[in-house]
Protein backbone atom coordinates (compact mmCIF):
# COMPACT_ATOMS: atom_id res chain seq x y z
CA UNK A 1 19.10 -34.39 80.44
CA UNK A 2 21.32 -32.70 82.99
CA UNK A 3 23.44 -29.74 82.11
CA UNK A 4 26.94 -28.51 82.83
CA UNK A 5 27.11 -25.12 84.47
CA UNK A 6 29.33 -22.49 82.90
CA UNK A 7 30.20 -19.13 84.46
CA UNK A 8 28.08 -19.92 87.49
CA UNK A 9 28.64 -19.20 91.18
CA UNK A 10 26.50 -22.11 92.33
CA UNK A 11 28.03 -24.18 95.14
CA UNK A 12 27.22 -27.58 96.56
CA UNK A 13 24.59 -26.59 99.10
CA UNK A 14 21.88 -28.89 100.50
CA UNK A 15 19.29 -29.49 97.80
CA UNK A 16 15.94 -31.26 97.82
CA UNK A 17 15.76 -34.32 95.59
CA UNK A 18 13.10 -34.75 92.97
CA UNK A 19 9.80 -36.63 93.37
CA UNK A 20 9.63 -40.14 91.93
CA UNK A 21 9.60 -39.57 88.16
CA UNK A 22 7.27 -41.38 85.80
CA UNK A 23 9.92 -42.68 83.45
CA UNK A 24 9.13 -44.61 80.30
CA UNK A 25 11.39 -47.05 78.49
CA UNK A 26 13.91 -45.15 76.40
CA UNK A 27 12.20 -41.79 76.45
CA UNK A 28 14.95 -39.37 75.30
CA UNK A 29 12.74 -36.33 75.92
CA UNK A 30 12.08 -36.89 79.61
CA UNK A 31 14.20 -34.72 81.94
CA UNK A 32 17.17 -36.04 83.84
CA UNK A 33 17.11 -36.08 87.64
CA UNK A 34 20.40 -34.19 87.42
CA UNK A 35 20.35 -30.44 87.62
CA UNK A 36 24.04 -29.95 87.07
CA UNK A 37 27.37 -31.59 86.66
CA UNK A 38 30.23 -29.17 86.70
CA UNK A 39 33.67 -28.51 88.08
CA UNK A 40 34.25 -26.25 91.06
CA UNK A 41 37.40 -25.17 92.86
CA UNK A 42 38.00 -26.86 96.21
CA UNK A 43 39.73 -25.09 99.07
CA UNK A 44 41.32 -25.95 102.41
CA UNK A 45 44.76 -27.36 103.35
CA UNK A 46 43.63 -30.97 103.13
CA UNK A 47 42.14 -30.41 99.71
CA UNK A 48 45.25 -28.62 98.46
CA UNK A 49 47.30 -31.63 99.48
CA UNK A 50 44.82 -33.95 97.76
CA UNK A 51 44.88 -31.91 94.58
CA UNK A 52 48.66 -32.23 94.39
CA UNK A 53 48.12 -36.00 94.11
CA UNK A 54 46.41 -35.43 90.76
CA UNK A 55 43.94 -38.30 91.02
CA UNK A 56 46.42 -40.93 89.89
CA UNK A 57 46.11 -39.78 86.28
CA UNK A 58 49.88 -39.44 85.96
CA UNK A 59 50.16 -43.24 86.09
CA UNK A 60 47.42 -44.09 83.58
CA UNK A 61 48.91 -45.52 80.41
CA UNK A 62 47.63 -44.69 76.93
CA UNK A 63 46.64 -41.07 77.63
CA UNK A 64 47.76 -38.17 75.50
CA UNK A 65 49.20 -35.19 77.33
CA UNK A 66 46.14 -33.02 76.72
CA UNK A 67 43.89 -35.73 78.15
CA UNK A 68 46.10 -36.24 81.20
CA UNK A 69 46.28 -32.49 81.88
CA UNK A 70 42.52 -32.06 81.59
CA UNK A 71 41.76 -35.01 83.88
CA UNK A 72 44.21 -33.76 86.51
CA UNK A 73 42.56 -30.33 86.44
CA UNK A 74 39.15 -31.98 86.67
CA UNK A 75 40.29 -33.88 89.75
CA UNK A 76 41.69 -30.72 91.34
CA UNK A 77 38.44 -28.80 90.80
CA UNK A 78 35.91 -31.52 91.58
CA UNK A 79 32.64 -32.55 89.95
CA UNK A 80 29.39 -31.05 91.24
CA UNK A 81 26.27 -33.24 91.18
CA UNK A 82 22.79 -31.94 92.00
CA UNK A 83 19.48 -33.81 92.03
CA UNK A 84 17.01 -32.06 89.78
CA UNK A 85 13.76 -30.76 91.29
CA UNK A 86 11.24 -31.21 88.50
CA UNK A 87 8.29 -29.67 90.30
CA UNK A 88 9.01 -27.25 93.13
CA UNK A 89 5.34 -27.23 94.15
CA UNK A 90 5.29 -30.92 94.96
CA UNK A 91 5.92 -32.21 98.44
CA UNK A 92 9.45 -33.40 99.27
CA UNK A 93 10.08 -37.09 98.55
CA UNK A 94 11.27 -39.58 101.11
CA UNK A 95 14.71 -39.72 99.49
CA UNK A 96 17.36 -37.59 101.22
CA UNK A 97 19.72 -37.09 98.27
CA UNK A 98 21.59 -33.81 98.40
CA UNK A 99 24.13 -32.00 96.26
CA UNK A 100 27.58 -33.54 96.35
CA UNK A 101 31.00 -32.54 95.04
CA UNK A 102 33.19 -35.47 93.99
CA UNK A 103 36.87 -35.78 93.21
CA UNK A 104 37.25 -38.31 90.41
CA UNK A 105 40.42 -40.35 90.70
CA UNK A 106 41.45 -43.24 88.51
CA UNK A 107 40.51 -46.57 90.05
CA UNK A 108 43.19 -48.68 88.39
CA UNK A 109 43.41 -50.97 85.40
CA UNK A 110 40.98 -53.82 84.83
CA UNK A 111 41.36 -56.75 82.51
CA UNK A 112 40.57 -56.22 78.82
CA UNK A 113 38.66 -59.48 78.60
CA UNK A 114 35.30 -58.09 77.50
CA UNK A 115 34.00 -57.96 81.06
CA UNK A 116 35.50 -54.54 81.77
CA UNK A 117 32.15 -52.71 82.11
CA UNK A 118 31.04 -55.00 84.91
CA UNK A 119 34.45 -55.32 86.56
CA UNK A 120 34.90 -51.54 86.53
CA UNK A 121 31.32 -50.90 87.74
CA UNK A 122 31.79 -53.26 90.65
CA UNK A 123 34.89 -51.38 91.75
CA UNK A 124 33.42 -47.92 91.12
CA UNK A 125 30.34 -48.79 93.21
CA UNK A 126 32.41 -50.31 95.99
CA UNK A 127 30.23 -53.38 95.56
CA UNK A 128 30.60 -56.24 98.01
CA UNK A 129 33.18 -58.81 96.91
CA UNK A 130 30.47 -61.48 96.88
CA UNK A 131 29.00 -59.80 93.80
CA UNK A 132 31.40 -60.50 90.95
CA UNK A 133 31.38 -59.22 87.39
CA UNK A 134 29.41 -62.21 86.14
CA UNK A 135 26.69 -61.61 88.73
CA UNK A 136 26.47 -57.97 87.61
CA UNK A 137 26.00 -59.25 84.06
CA UNK A 138 23.19 -61.52 85.17
CA UNK A 139 21.41 -58.74 87.07
CA UNK A 140 21.79 -56.41 84.10
CA UNK A 141 20.24 -58.91 81.69
CA UNK A 142 17.41 -59.78 84.09
CA UNK A 143 16.60 -56.09 84.45
CA UNK A 144 16.58 -55.70 80.66
CA UNK A 145 14.25 -58.66 80.13
CA UNK A 146 11.83 -57.45 82.80
CA UNK A 147 11.64 -53.91 81.40
CA UNK A 148 11.65 -55.05 77.78
CA UNK A 149 8.82 -57.47 78.46
CA UNK A 150 6.65 -54.76 80.00
CA UNK A 151 7.37 -52.13 77.32
CA UNK A 152 4.86 -51.05 74.69
CA UNK A 153 5.15 -52.69 71.28
CA UNK A 154 6.52 -49.55 69.59
CA UNK A 155 9.15 -49.21 72.32
CA UNK A 156 10.24 -52.82 71.86
CA UNK A 157 10.49 -52.22 68.12
CA UNK A 158 12.77 -49.23 68.75
CA UNK A 159 15.02 -51.36 70.95
CA UNK A 160 15.09 -54.16 68.39
CA UNK A 161 16.05 -51.68 65.67
CA UNK A 162 18.87 -50.26 67.78
CA UNK A 163 20.22 -53.73 68.59
CA UNK A 164 20.07 -54.76 64.95
CA UNK A 165 21.93 -51.59 63.97
CA UNK A 166 24.72 -52.36 66.46
CA UNK A 167 25.13 -56.12 66.01
CA UNK A 168 23.49 -57.09 62.69
CA UNK A 169 24.05 -53.97 60.57
CA UNK A 170 22.80 -53.50 57.04
CA UNK A 171 25.96 -54.13 55.05
CA UNK A 172 24.63 -52.08 52.13
CA UNK A 173 24.85 -48.88 54.18
CA UNK A 174 27.13 -47.07 56.59
CA UNK A 175 30.41 -47.30 54.76
CA UNK A 176 30.85 -43.55 54.78
CA UNK A 177 31.36 -43.83 58.56
CA UNK A 178 32.76 -47.30 59.13
CA UNK A 179 35.73 -48.97 57.48
CA UNK A 180 34.87 -52.33 59.04
CA UNK A 181 31.46 -53.53 60.23
CA UNK A 182 30.86 -56.53 62.45
CA UNK A 183 28.02 -59.04 62.56
CA UNK A 184 27.58 -60.93 65.82
CA UNK A 185 26.20 -64.48 65.89
CA UNK A 186 25.61 -66.90 68.75
CA UNK A 187 26.66 -70.55 68.49
CA UNK A 188 25.52 -73.03 71.12
CA UNK A 189 28.55 -74.64 72.69
CA UNK A 190 26.94 -78.06 72.38
CA UNK A 191 26.54 -77.51 68.61
CA UNK A 192 30.16 -76.63 67.83
CA UNK A 193 31.10 -80.17 66.70
CA UNK A 194 28.22 -80.29 64.22
CA UNK A 195 29.01 -76.79 62.98
CA UNK A 196 32.64 -77.73 62.39
CA UNK A 197 31.57 -80.88 60.53
CA UNK A 198 29.26 -78.88 58.26
CA UNK A 199 32.04 -76.39 57.53
CA UNK A 200 34.48 -79.20 56.72
CA UNK A 201 31.95 -80.72 54.30
CA UNK A 202 31.83 -77.45 52.33
CA UNK A 203 35.63 -77.18 52.37
CA UNK A 204 35.89 -80.71 50.96
CA UNK A 205 33.59 -79.60 48.16
CA UNK A 206 36.14 -76.92 47.25
CA UNK A 207 34.82 -73.86 49.12
CA UNK A 208 37.30 -71.54 50.81
CA UNK A 209 37.41 -72.10 54.57
CA UNK A 210 36.30 -68.60 55.62
CA UNK A 211 33.46 -68.51 53.10
CA UNK A 212 32.32 -71.94 54.26
CA UNK A 213 32.39 -70.81 57.89
CA UNK A 214 30.46 -67.64 57.03
CA UNK A 215 27.81 -69.65 55.22
CA UNK A 216 27.28 -72.22 57.99
CA UNK A 217 27.35 -69.75 60.84
CA UNK A 218 24.86 -67.40 59.15
CA UNK A 219 22.58 -70.35 58.38
CA UNK A 220 22.66 -72.13 61.75
CA UNK A 221 23.57 -69.57 64.43
CA UNK A 222 21.45 -66.96 66.16
CA UNK A 223 21.88 -63.37 64.93
CA UNK A 224 21.95 -60.66 67.60
CA UNK A 225 19.15 -58.55 66.18
CA UNK A 226 16.46 -58.11 68.84
CA UNK A 227 15.86 -57.94 72.58
CA UNK A 228 15.77 -61.69 73.33
CA UNK A 229 18.94 -62.41 71.31
CA UNK A 230 20.67 -59.39 72.91
CA UNK A 231 19.93 -60.89 76.34
CA UNK A 232 21.52 -64.19 75.31
CA UNK A 233 24.51 -62.30 73.92
CA UNK A 234 25.03 -60.01 76.93
CA UNK A 235 25.07 -62.99 79.31
CA UNK A 236 28.26 -64.29 77.66
CA UNK A 237 31.27 -63.70 79.91
CA UNK A 238 33.82 -65.93 78.19
CA UNK A 239 33.32 -68.68 80.75
CA UNK A 240 33.06 -72.41 79.98
CA UNK A 241 29.68 -72.24 81.71
CA UNK A 242 28.25 -69.90 79.05
CA UNK A 243 25.51 -71.45 76.93
CA UNK A 244 26.69 -69.73 73.75
CA UNK A 245 29.93 -68.76 72.02
CA UNK A 246 30.25 -65.48 70.13
CA UNK A 247 30.99 -65.69 66.42
CA UNK A 248 32.11 -62.42 64.77
CA UNK A 249 31.97 -61.84 61.02
CA UNK A 250 33.92 -58.77 59.87
CA UNK A 251 33.13 -57.04 56.60
CA UNK A 252 34.54 -54.23 54.53
CA UNK A 253 32.68 -52.58 51.68
CA UNK A 254 34.30 -55.13 49.34
CA UNK A 255 32.91 -58.11 51.27
CA UNK A 256 33.93 -60.60 53.98
CA UNK A 257 37.17 -59.63 55.73
CA UNK A 258 37.52 -62.29 58.43
CA UNK A 259 35.68 -64.79 60.60
CA UNK A 260 36.47 -64.92 64.31
CA UNK A 261 35.29 -68.40 65.25
CA UNK A 262 36.20 -67.99 68.94
CA UNK A 263 37.09 -71.65 69.10
CA UNK A 264 38.19 -71.51 72.74
CA UNK A 265 35.01 -69.72 73.80
CA UNK A 266 36.90 -66.97 75.64
CA UNK A 267 35.20 -63.99 73.97
CA UNK A 268 32.83 -62.02 76.20
CA UNK A 269 30.08 -59.58 75.21
CA UNK A 270 31.35 -56.02 75.56
CA UNK A 271 28.98 -53.98 77.73
CA UNK A 272 27.13 -51.44 75.56
CA UNK A 273 24.99 -48.41 76.42
CA UNK A 274 21.85 -50.52 76.76
CA UNK A 275 23.64 -52.59 79.40
CA UNK A 276 24.78 -49.45 81.22
CA UNK A 277 21.22 -48.10 81.39
CA UNK A 278 19.95 -51.44 82.69
CA UNK A 279 22.70 -51.48 85.31
CA UNK A 280 21.73 -47.94 86.32
CA UNK A 281 18.09 -49.04 86.63
CA UNK A 282 18.98 -52.09 88.68
CA UNK A 283 20.90 -49.99 91.21
CA UNK A 284 18.63 -46.91 90.95
CA UNK A 285 21.52 -44.53 90.38
CA UNK A 286 22.93 -42.61 87.46
CA UNK A 287 26.10 -43.77 85.75
CA UNK A 288 28.42 -41.26 84.10
CA UNK A 289 30.93 -42.48 81.53
CA UNK A 290 33.80 -40.00 81.46
CA UNK A 291 35.13 -40.54 77.96
CA UNK A 292 38.51 -39.27 76.79
CA UNK A 293 39.32 -38.59 73.15
CA UNK A 294 42.66 -37.54 71.75
CA UNK A 295 44.05 -35.97 68.62
CA UNK A 296 42.75 -38.85 66.50
CA UNK A 297 39.25 -37.61 67.31
CA UNK A 298 40.23 -34.09 66.22
CA UNK A 299 39.23 -32.33 69.44
CA UNK A 300 41.03 -29.63 71.40
CA UNK A 301 42.08 -29.94 75.04
CA UNK A 302 38.98 -28.26 76.47
CA UNK A 303 36.74 -30.73 74.64
CA UNK A 304 38.80 -33.91 74.90
CA UNK A 305 36.71 -35.29 77.79
CA UNK A 306 32.96 -35.92 77.64
CA UNK A 307 30.48 -36.80 80.39
CA UNK A 308 28.01 -39.32 78.96
CA UNK A 309 25.03 -39.73 81.34
CA UNK A 310 23.05 -42.94 81.67
CA UNK A 311 20.05 -42.62 83.94
CA UNK A 312 17.79 -45.31 85.37
CA UNK A 313 14.20 -45.83 84.33
CA UNK A 314 13.15 -45.54 87.96
CA UNK A 315 13.46 -43.25 90.95
CA UNK A 316 17.06 -42.38 91.79
CA UNK A 317 17.79 -43.33 95.39
CA UNK A 318 21.59 -43.50 95.35
CA UNK A 319 24.41 -41.15 94.39
CA UNK A 320 25.83 -41.63 90.88
CA UNK A 321 28.97 -43.56 90.10
CA UNK A 322 31.50 -42.90 87.37
CA UNK A 323 33.36 -44.94 84.78
CA UNK A 324 36.29 -43.93 82.59
CA UNK A 325 36.65 -44.82 78.95
CA UNK A 326 39.64 -44.10 76.80
CA UNK A 327 39.16 -44.83 73.15
CA UNK A 328 39.14 -43.53 69.63
CA UNK A 329 35.41 -43.60 69.01
CA UNK A 330 32.01 -43.42 70.68
CA UNK A 331 30.85 -46.10 73.08
CA UNK A 332 31.02 -49.56 71.60
CA UNK A 333 34.01 -49.02 69.35
CA UNK A 334 36.42 -51.89 69.39
CA UNK A 335 39.26 -49.84 70.90
CA UNK A 336 37.18 -48.61 73.85
CA UNK A 337 37.75 -49.91 77.36
CA UNK A 338 35.99 -49.19 80.67
CA UNK A 339 37.93 -48.50 83.85
CA UNK A 340 36.65 -47.53 87.30
CA UNK A 341 36.63 -44.01 88.68
CA UNK A 342 36.67 -43.58 92.44
CA UNK A 343 34.37 -40.73 93.46
CA UNK A 344 35.65 -39.21 96.72
CA UNK A 345 33.31 -36.80 98.52
CA UNK A 346 34.78 -33.29 98.80
CA UNK A 347 33.29 -31.17 101.58
CA UNK A 348 34.91 -27.76 101.23
CA UNK A 349 34.01 -25.77 98.13
CA UNK A 350 34.55 -22.17 97.14
CA UNK A 351 32.10 -20.01 95.24
CA UNK A 352 34.25 -20.05 92.13
CA UNK A 353 33.07 -20.36 88.57
CA UNK A 354 32.21 -23.76 87.23
CA UNK A 355 34.80 -24.70 84.66
CA UNK A 356 33.42 -27.51 82.50
CA UNK A 357 32.24 -26.67 79.00
CA UNK A 358 28.55 -27.11 78.16
CA UNK A 359 29.46 -29.40 75.25
CA UNK A 360 30.91 -31.98 77.62
CA UNK A 361 27.50 -33.53 78.26
CA UNK A 362 25.96 -35.63 75.53
CA UNK A 363 22.49 -37.18 75.47
CA UNK A 364 22.28 -40.93 75.85
CA UNK A 365 19.57 -41.11 73.21
CA UNK A 366 22.08 -41.57 70.37
CA UNK A 367 23.03 -44.97 71.78
CA UNK A 368 19.63 -46.34 70.81
CA UNK A 369 19.59 -44.93 67.31
CA UNK A 370 16.96 -42.36 68.31
CA UNK A 371 19.24 -39.37 67.69
CA UNK A 372 22.82 -38.58 66.77
CA UNK A 373 25.51 -37.27 69.18
């Protein structure tokens, strides 16, 4: 993966991009096309004026003071991105990517309707208004199905295992980490009447309503536990046009806690790390999730923000874009929410030390159950 420079005098000078890499599906050991992501001081009257703006972080709700202070300093310094040259002896590629310093400002709130990954990505990319969040969902799922279908059998098994761990967890394990675990099921909209009738039949026989619903849904709905079912799940945007509704069973270590039947069909599939990597592959550019954690995560100010890289499984031909997540846990936690970051190009840089801690960059591999963060 890329690295964050510490105590370095490197500046954003023109840099040759890497040759087209031979990337394999979910290979956590292959190098990132990034050489560095760091923070550098920006100089010049215009930049001083821009830095006083603070990136709009002063208006973002839900941030702790240490998070707000860190993000304002990050905006003032700028984020340095360099393409990684994997083999200096190879001939230069056709791509003309060069080192860039970005200022990361907050791109505004987006709706917390489950579509926030795609809504925020559209805004962060500056995507044409004709491409809406639902279209980004569709492209993401199509990319997943194409790559999943061409993957080796052992790679598909690894993906299936990761999906099962996220959406159909083994309820006999994991309680040392999680207080509540969720099981996701898919109910065809056209089957909801028959499902309700079957639940009512069990209730009339004396079964408690939630236990009856759990029984029928687990028997007749599709569990999200492999690549094909994940694709069906990730297509759900909470629209009446969706083929499926999401059913969520919540469990504690003692047993069933609740059943979210989603009777209005408004629940959307929250974009996970698999979706982010597929989106990165579709647009041939890296996506960085800038994730903020507060005192509830027991981190100090210098480590309250993490850069989580998601790289495409193809040649990178575009500059990266950035998303912001404020939450209490790692990606996918129920309290997490994606918002857009606007990456402004900064042209004047000084040869000052890079100021982001090495620990701020975390491998994406943990998202697939291949390693731990």
